[in-house]
Amino acid sequence: LLATNPARRLERRKPGRRGDRAIPRARL
């Protein structure tokens, strides 16, 4: 049905890094 790829210019995004999951030192 299609001869070309209309999605060719769109790029996937890199997922953001998850935040620091360490317990804060004061709480420890």
PDB file of all heavy atoms in Angstrom:
ATOM      1  N   LEU A   1       0.834  -1.202   0.000  1.00  0.00           N
ATOM      2  CA  LEU A   1       0.000   0.000   0.000  1.00  0.00           C
ATOM      3  C   LEU A   1       0.869   1.253   0.000  1.00  0.00           C
ATOM      4  O   LEU A   1       0.419   2.317  -0.418  1.00  0.00           O
ATOM      5  CB  LEU A   1      -0.918   0.022   1.225  1.00  0.00           C
ATOM      6  CG  LEU A   1      -1.912  -1.137   1.353  1.00  0.00           C
ATOM      7  CD1 LEU A   1      -2.622  -1.074   2.687  1.00  0.00           C
ATOM      8  CD2 LEU A   1      -2.879  -1.133   0.193  1.00  0.00           C
ATOM      9  N   LEU A   2       2.078   1.120   0.509  1.00  0.00           N
ATOM     10  CA  LEU A   2       3.016   2.246   0.625  1.00  0.00           C
ATOM     11  C   LEU A   2       4.317   1.894  -0.069  1.00  0.00           C
ATOM     12  O   LEU A   2       4.836   0.795   0.104  1.00  0.00           O
ATOM     13  CB  LEU A   2       3.342   2.507   2.102  1.00  0.00           C
ATOM     14  CG  LEU A   2       2.528   3.513   2.870  1.00  0.00           C
ATOM     15  CD1 LEU A   2       2.950   3.517   4.328  1.00  0.00           C
ATOM     16  CD2 LEU A   2       2.605   4.895   2.298  1.00  0.00           C
ATOM     17  N   ALA A   3       4.845   2.861  -0.803  1.00  0.00           N
ATOM     18  CA  ALA A   3       6.145   2.648  -1.446  1.00  0.00           C
ATOM     19  C   ALA A   3       7.270   3.260  -0.619  1.00  0.00           C
ATOM     20  O   ALA A   3       8.419   2.825  -0.697  1.00  0.00           O
ATOM     21  CB  ALA A   3       6.145   3.256  -2.843  1.00  0.00           C
ATOM     22  N   THR A   4       6.959   4.271   0.167  1.00  0.00           N
ATOM     23  CA  THR A   4       7.977   4.943   0.985  1.00  0.00           C
ATOM     24  C   THR A   4       7.626   4.819   2.455  1.00  0.00           C
ATOM     25  O   THR A   4       6.524   4.383   2.804  1.00  0.00           O
ATOM     26  CB  THR A   4       8.081   6.438   0.619  1.00  0.00           C
ATOM     27  OG1 THR A   4       6.830   7.064   0.924  1.00  0.00           O
ATOM     28  CG2 THR A   4       8.442   6.634  -0.838  1.00  0.00           C
ATOM     29  N   ASN A   5       8.529   5.246   3.299  1.00  0.00           N
ATOM     30  CA  ASN A   5       8.321   5.183   4.737  1.00  0.00           C
ATOM     31  C   ASN A   5       8.108   6.594   5.281  1.00  0.00           C
ATOM     32  O   ASN A   5       9.078   7.316   5.503  1.00  0.00           O
ATOM     33  CB  ASN A   5       9.527   4.527   5.410  1.00  0.00           C
ATOM     34  CG  ASN A   5       9.358   4.411   6.908  1.00  0.00           C
ATOM     35  OD1 ASN A   5       8.366   4.858   7.474  1.00  0.00           O
ATOM     36  ND2 ASN A   5      10.335   3.806   7.549  1.00  0.00           N
ATOM     37  N   PRO A   6       6.860   6.985   5.564  1.00  0.00           N
ATOM     38  CA  PRO A   6       6.605   8.322   6.080  1.00  0.00           C
ATOM     39  C   PRO A   6       7.151   8.548   7.494  1.00  0.00           C
ATOM     40  O   PRO A   6       7.282   9.682   7.933  1.00  0.00           O
ATOM     41  CB  PRO A   6       5.080   8.431   6.082  1.00  0.00           C
ATOM     42  CG  PRO A   6       4.591   7.318   5.246  1.00  0.00           C
ATOM     43  CD  PRO A   6       5.641   6.266   5.270  1.00  0.00           C
ATOM     44  N   ALA A   7       7.502   7.496   8.191  1.00  0.00           N
ATOM     45  CA  ALA A   7       8.025   7.622   9.551  1.00  0.00           C
ATOM     46  C   ALA A   7       9.538   7.775   9.575  1.00  0.00           C
ATOM     47  O   ALA A   7      10.141   7.874  10.645  1.00  0.00           O
ATOM     48  CB  ALA A   7       7.612   6.421  10.381  1.00  0.00           C
ATOM     49  N   ARG A   8      10.161   7.839   8.418  1.00  0.00           N
ATOM     50  CA  ARG A   8      11.628   7.808   8.349  1.00  0.00           C
ATOM     51  C   ARG A   8      12.305   8.990   9.031  1.00  0.00           C
ATOM     52  O   ARG A   8      13.448   8.890   9.440  1.00  0.00           O
ATOM     53  CB  ARG A   8      12.082   7.688   6.901  1.00  0.00           C
ATOM     54  CG  ARG A   8      11.798   8.899   6.041  1.00  0.00           C
ATOM     55  CD  ARG A   8      12.191   8.672   4.573  1.00  0.00           C
ATOM     56  NE  ARG A   8      11.813   9.770   3.725  1.00  0.00           N
ATOM     57  CZ  ARG A   8      10.662   9.879   3.083  1.00  0.00           C
ATOM     58  NH1 ARG A   8       9.767   8.911   3.201  1.00  0.00           N
ATOM     59  NH2 ARG A   8      10.397  10.914   2.332  1.00  0.00           N
ATOM     60  N   ARG A   9      11.637  10.115   9.160  1.00  0.00           N
ATOM     61  CA  ARG A   9      12.257  11.302   9.782  1.00  0.00           C
ATOM     62  C   ARG A   9      12.036  11.368  11.289  1.00  0.00           C
ATOM     63  O   ARG A   9      12.641  12.201  11.955  1.00  0.00           O
ATOM     64  CB  ARG A   9      11.703  12.571   9.141  1.00  0.00           C
ATOM     65  CG  ARG A   9      12.066  12.723   7.699  1.00  0.00           C
ATOM     66  CD  ARG A   9      11.556  14.032   7.154  1.00  0.00           C
ATOM     67  NE  ARG A   9      11.687  14.071   5.706  1.00  0.00           N
ATOM     68  CZ  ARG A   9      11.021  14.912   4.947  1.00  0.00           C
ATOM     69  NH1 ARG A   9      10.193  15.779   5.485  1.00  0.00           N
ATOM     70  NH2 ARG A   9      11.189  14.890   3.641  1.00  0.00           N
ATOM     71  N   LEU A  10      11.166  10.541  11.794  1.00  0.00           N
ATOM     72  CA  LEU A  10      10.863  10.570  13.230  1.00  0.00           C
ATOM     73  C   LEU A  10      11.810   9.636  13.966  1.00  0.00           C
ATOM     74  O   LEU A  10      12.083   8.529  13.516  1.00  0.00           O
ATOM     75  CB  LEU A  10       9.413  10.143  13.463  1.00  0.00           C
ATOM     76  CG  LEU A  10       8.362  11.058  12.825  1.00  0.00           C
ATOM     77  CD1 LEU A  10       6.992  10.408  12.916  1.00  0.00           C
ATOM     78  CD2 LEU A  10       8.368  12.412  13.484  1.00  0.00           C
ATOM     79  N   GLU A  11      12.286  10.092  15.108  1.00  0.00           N
ATOM     80  CA  GLU A  11      13.238   9.288  15.883  1.00  0.00           C
ATOM     81  C   GLU A  11      12.684   8.969  17.255  1.00  0.00           C
ATOM     82  O   GLU A  11      11.970   9.773  17.853  1.00  0.00           O
ATOM     83  CB  GLU A  11      14.557  10.052  16.039  1.00  0.00           C
ATOM     84  CG  GLU A  11      15.295  10.244  14.738  1.00  0.00           C
ATOM     85  CD  GLU A  11      16.623  10.974  14.935  1.00  0.00           C
ATOM     86  OE1 GLU A  11      16.962  11.310  16.099  1.00  0.00           O
ATOM     87  OE2 GLU A  11      17.309  11.191  13.934  1.00  0.00           O
ATOM     88  N   ARG A  12      13.065   7.802  17.718  1.00  0.00           N
ATOM     89  CA  ARG A  12      12.708   7.417  19.085  1.00  0.00           C
ATOM     90  C   ARG A  12      13.456   8.311  20.064  1.00  0.00           C
ATOM     91  O   ARG A  12      14.543   8.780  19.777  1.00  0.00           O
ATOM     92  CB  ARG A  12      13.064   5.956  19.341  1.00  0.00           C
ATOM     93  CG  ARG A  12      12.238   4.991  18.509  1.00  0.00           C
ATOM     94  CD  ARG A  12      12.605   3.549  18.792  1.00  0.00           C
ATOM     95  NE  ARG A  12      12.385   3.166  20.174  1.00  0.00           N
ATOM     96  CZ  ARG A  12      11.215   2.798  20.685  1.00  0.00           C
ATOM     97  NH1 ARG A  12      10.156   2.778  19.926  1.00  0.00           N
ATOM     98  NH2 ARG A  12      11.115   2.449  21.943  1.00  0.00           N
ATOM     99  N   ARG A  13      12.861   8.514  21.208  1.00  0.00           N
ATOM    100  CA  ARG A  13      13.505   9.313  22.253  1.00  0.00           C
ATOM    101  C   ARG A  13      14.138   8.377  23.273  1.00  0.00           C
ATOM    102  O   ARG A  13      13.624   7.301  23.556  1.00  0.00           O
ATOM    103  CB  ARG A  13      12.482  10.207  22.944  1.00  0.00           C
ATOM    104  CG  ARG A  13      11.943  11.282  22.054  1.00  0.00           C
ATOM    105  CD  ARG A  13      10.973  12.150  22.827  1.00  0.00           C
ATOM    106  NE  ARG A  13      10.437  13.202  21.986  1.00  0.00           N
ATOM    107  CZ  ARG A  13       9.435  13.980  22.344  1.00  0.00           C
ATOM    108  NH1 ARG A  13       8.858  13.824  23.528  1.00  0.00           N
ATOM    109  NH2 ARG A  13       9.003  14.912  21.529  1.00  0.00           N
ATOM    110  N   LYS A  14      15.227   8.852  23.845  1.00  0.00           N
ATOM    111  CA  LYS A  14      15.864   8.083  24.912  1.00  0.00           C
ATOM    112  C   LYS A  14      15.081   8.310  26.194  1.00  0.00           C
ATOM    113  O   LYS A  14      14.794   9.450  26.551  1.00  0.00           O
ATOM    114  CB  LYS A  14      17.311   8.531  25.118  1.00  0.00           C
ATOM    115  CG  LYS A  14      18.220   8.140  23.991  1.00  0.00           C
ATOM    116  CD  LYS A  14      19.643   8.512  24.302  1.00  0.00           C
ATOM    117  CE  LYS A  14      20.562   8.102  23.164  1.00  0.00           C
ATOM    118  NZ  LYS A  14      21.938   8.459  23.430  1.00  0.00           N
ATOM    119  N   PRO A  15      14.744   7.221  26.889  1.00  0.00           N
ATOM    120  CA  PRO A  15      14.019   7.399  28.151  1.00  0.00           C
ATOM    121  C   PRO A  15      14.909   8.092  29.175  1.00  0.00           C
ATOM    122  O   PRO A  15      16.118   7.864  29.225  1.00  0.00           O
ATOM    123  CB  PRO A  15      13.669   5.980  28.586  1.00  0.00           C
ATOM    124  CG  PRO A  15      14.443   5.070  27.719  1.00  0.00           C
ATOM    125  CD  PRO A  15      14.956   5.839  26.548  1.00  0.00           C
ATOM    126  N   GLY A  16      14.307   8.935  29.974  1.00  0.00           N
ATOM    127  CA  GLY A  16      15.056   9.642  31.014  1.00  0.00           C
ATOM    128  C   GLY A  16      15.542   8.680  32.081  1.00  0.00           C
ATOM    129  O   GLY A  16      14.959   7.617  32.302  1.00  0.00           O
ATOM    130  N   ARG A  17      16.617   9.065  32.707  1.00  0.00           N
ATOM    131  CA  ARG A  17      17.140   8.230  33.785  1.00  0.00           C
ATOM    132  C   ARG A  17      16.226   8.328  34.984  1.00  0.00           C
ATOM    133  O   ARG A  17      15.682   9.373  35.285  1.00  0.00           O
ATOM    134  CB  ARG A  17      18.538   8.695  34.168  1.00  0.00           C
ATOM    135  CG  ARG A  17      19.546   8.433  33.072  1.00  0.00           C
ATOM    136  CD  ARG A  17      20.924   8.837  33.496  1.00  0.00           C
ATOM    137  NE  ARG A  17      21.293   8.102  34.706  1.00  0.00           N
ATOM    138  CZ  ARG A  17      22.318   8.410  35.470  1.00  0.00           C
ATOM    139  NH1 ARG A  17      23.082   9.428  35.166  1.00  0.00           N
ATOM    140  NH2 ARG A  17      22.595   7.713  36.541  1.00  0.00           N
ATOM    141  N   ARG A  18      16.078   7.219  35.635  1.00  0.00           N
ATOM    142  CA  ARG A  18      15.281   7.223  36.855  1.00  0.00           C
ATOM    143  C   ARG A  18      16.058   7.972  37.922  1.00  0.00           C
ATOM    144  O   ARG A  18      17.275   7.922  37.973  1.00  0.00           O
ATOM    145  CB  ARG A  18      15.012   5.805  37.306  1.00  0.00           C
ATOM    146  CG  ARG A  18      14.158   5.052  36.288  1.00  0.00           C
ATOM    147  CD  ARG A  18      13.853   3.696  36.755  1.00  0.00           C
ATOM    148  NE  ARG A  18      12.667   3.795  37.592  1.00  0.00           N
ATOM    149  CZ  ARG A  18      12.158   2.771  38.253  1.00  0.00           C
ATOM    150  NH1 ARG A  18      12.728   1.608  38.186  1.00  0.00           N
ATOM    151  NH2 ARG A  18      11.090   2.914  38.983  1.00  0.00           N
ATOM    152  N   GLY A  19      15.351   8.659  38.760  1.00  0.00           N
ATOM    153  CA  GLY A  19      15.977   9.441  39.810  1.00  0.00           C
ATOM    154  C   GLY A  19      16.775   8.579  40.765  1.00  0.00           C
ATOM    155  O   GLY A  19      16.657   7.352  40.782  1.00  0.00           O
ATOM    156  N   ASP A  20      17.596   9.219  41.550  1.00  0.00           N
ATOM    157  CA  ASP A  20      18.390   8.513  42.543  1.00  0.00           C
ATOM    158  C   ASP A  20      17.439   7.888  43.553  1.00  0.00           C
ATOM    159  O   ASP A  20      16.636   8.578  44.179  1.00  0.00           O
ATOM    160  CB  ASP A  20      19.335   9.501  43.236  1.00  0.00           C
ATOM    161  CG  ASP A  20      20.289   8.812  44.182  1.00  0.00           C
ATOM    162  OD1 ASP A  20      20.361   7.575  44.156  1.00  0.00           O
ATOM    163  OD2 ASP A  20      20.965   9.526  44.933  1.00  0.00           O
ATOM    164  N   ARG A  21      17.517   6.590  43.693  1.00  0.00           N
ATOM    165  CA  ARG A  21      16.616   5.893  44.600  1.00  0.00           C
ATOM    166  C   ARG A  21      17.267   5.622  45.949  1.00  0.00           C
ATOM    167  O   ARG A  21      16.728   4.884  46.759  1.00  0.00           O
ATOM    168  CB  ARG A  21      16.145   4.604  43.951  1.00  0.00           C
ATOM    169  CG  ARG A  21      15.343   4.919  42.703  1.00  0.00           C
ATOM    170  CD  ARG A  21      14.814   3.755  41.951  1.00  0.00           C
ATOM    171  NE  ARG A  21      15.046   2.432  42.484  1.00  0.00           N
ATOM    172  CZ  ARG A  21      14.719   1.332  41.868  1.00  0.00           C
ATOM    173  NH1 ARG A  21      14.162   1.393  40.706  1.00  0.00           N
ATOM    174  NH2 ARG A  21      14.959   0.157  42.399  1.00  0.00           N
ATOM    175  N   ALA A  22      18.401   6.222  46.203  1.00  0.00           N
ATOM    176  CA  ALA A  22      19.085   6.028  47.484  1.00  0.00           C
ATOM    177  C   ALA A  22      18.327   6.770  48.580  1.00  0.00           C
ATOM    178  O   ALA A  22      17.732   7.818  48.359  1.00  0.00           O
ATOM    179  CB  ALA A  22      20.509   6.548  47.397  1.00  0.00           C
ATOM    180  N   ILE A  23      18.366   6.199  49.773  1.00  0.00           N
ATOM    181  CA  ILE A  23      17.746   6.844  50.922  1.00  0.00           C
ATOM    182  C   ILE A  23      18.667   7.976  51.362  1.00  0.00           C
ATOM    183  O   ILE A  23      19.878   7.773  51.504  1.00  0.00           O
ATOM    184  CB  ILE A  23      17.537   5.826  52.065  1.00  0.00           C
ATOM    185  CG1 ILE A  23      16.639   4.683  51.575  1.00  0.00           C
ATOM    186  CG2 ILE A  23      16.941   6.502  53.290  1.00  0.00           C
ATOM    187  CD1 ILE A  23      16.555   3.514  52.529  1.00  0.00           C
ATOM    188  N   PRO A  24      18.120   9.177  51.586  1.00  0.00           N
ATOM    189  CA  PRO A  24      18.978  10.294  52.005  1.00  0.00           C
ATOM    190  C   PRO A  24      19.743   9.970  53.293  1.00  0.00           C
ATOM    191  O   PRO A  24      19.227   9.286  54.193  1.00  0.00           O
ATOM    192  CB  PRO A  24      17.994  11.440  52.243  1.00  0.00           C
ATOM    193  CG  PRO A  24      16.765  11.066  51.492  1.00  0.00           C
ATOM    194  CD  PRO A  24      16.733   9.572  51.449  1.00  0.00           C
ATOM    195  N   ARG A  25      20.976  10.452  53.368  1.00  0.00           N
ATOM    196  CA  ARG A  25      21.865  10.151  54.502  1.00  0.00           C
ATOM    197  C   ARG A  25      21.239  10.558  55.837  1.00  0.00           C
ATOM    198  O   ARG A  25      21.349   9.834  56.830  1.00  0.00           O
ATOM    199  CB  ARG A  25      23.210  10.862  54.283  1.00  0.00           C
ATOM    200  CG  ARG A  25      24.247  10.503  55.298  1.00  0.00           C
ATOM    201  CD  ARG A  25      24.732   9.099  55.046  1.00  0.00           C
ATOM    202  NE  ARG A  25      25.727   8.737  56.041  1.00  0.00           N
ATOM    203  CZ  ARG A  25      26.028   7.502  56.351  1.00  0.00           C
ATOM    204  NH1 ARG A  25      25.440   6.510  55.737  1.00  0.00           N
ATOM    205  NH2 ARG A  25      26.921   7.240  57.248  1.00  0.00           N
ATOM    206  N   ALA A  26      20.569  11.710  55.892  1.00  0.00           N
ATOM    207  CA  ALA A  26      19.951  12.170  57.139  1.00  0.00           C
ATOM    208  C   ALA A  26      18.876  11.183  57.605  1.00  0.00           C
ATOM    209  O   ALA A  26      18.758  10.893  58.804  1.00  0.00           O
ATOM    210  CB  ALA A  26      19.347  13.553  56.947  1.00  0.00           C
ATOM    211  N   ARG A  27      18.107  10.651  56.684  1.00  0.00           N
ATOM    212  CA  ARG A  27      17.062   9.676  57.033  1.00  0.00           C
ATOM    213  C   ARG A  27      17.692   8.384  57.545  1.00  0.00           C
ATOM    214  O   ARG A  27      17.207   7.782  58.496  1.00  0.00           O
ATOM    215  CB  ARG A  27      16.196   9.403  55.803  1.00  0.00           C
ATOM    216  CG  ARG A  27      15.187   8.305  55.970  1.00  0.00           C
ATOM    217  CD  ARG A  27      14.047   8.715  56.900  1.00  0.00           C
ATOM    218  NE  ARG A  27      13.120   7.615  57.056  1.00  0.00           N
ATOM    219  CZ  ARG A  27      12.862   7.012  58.205  1.00  0.00           C
ATOM    220  NH1 ARG A  27      13.418   7.435  59.318  1.00  0.00           N
ATOM    221  NH2 ARG A  27      12.026   6.020  58.255  1.00  0.00           N
ATOM    222  N   LEU A  28      18.802   7.965  56.933  1.00  0.00           N
ATOM    223  CA  LEU A  28      19.493   6.766  57.405  1.00  0.00           C
ATOM    224  C   LEU A  28      20.016   6.957  58.824  1.00  0.00           C
ATOM    225  O   LEU A  28      19.877   6.067  59.667  1.00  0.00           O
ATOM    226  CB  LEU A  28      20.653   6.413  56.469  1.00  0.00           C
ATOM    227  CG  LEU A  28      20.273   5.818  55.121  1.00  0.00           C
ATOM    228  CD1 LEU A  28      21.514   5.663  54.254  1.00  0.00           C
ATOM    229  CD2 LEU A  28      19.579   4.480  55.300  1.00  0.00           C
TER     230      LEU A  28
END
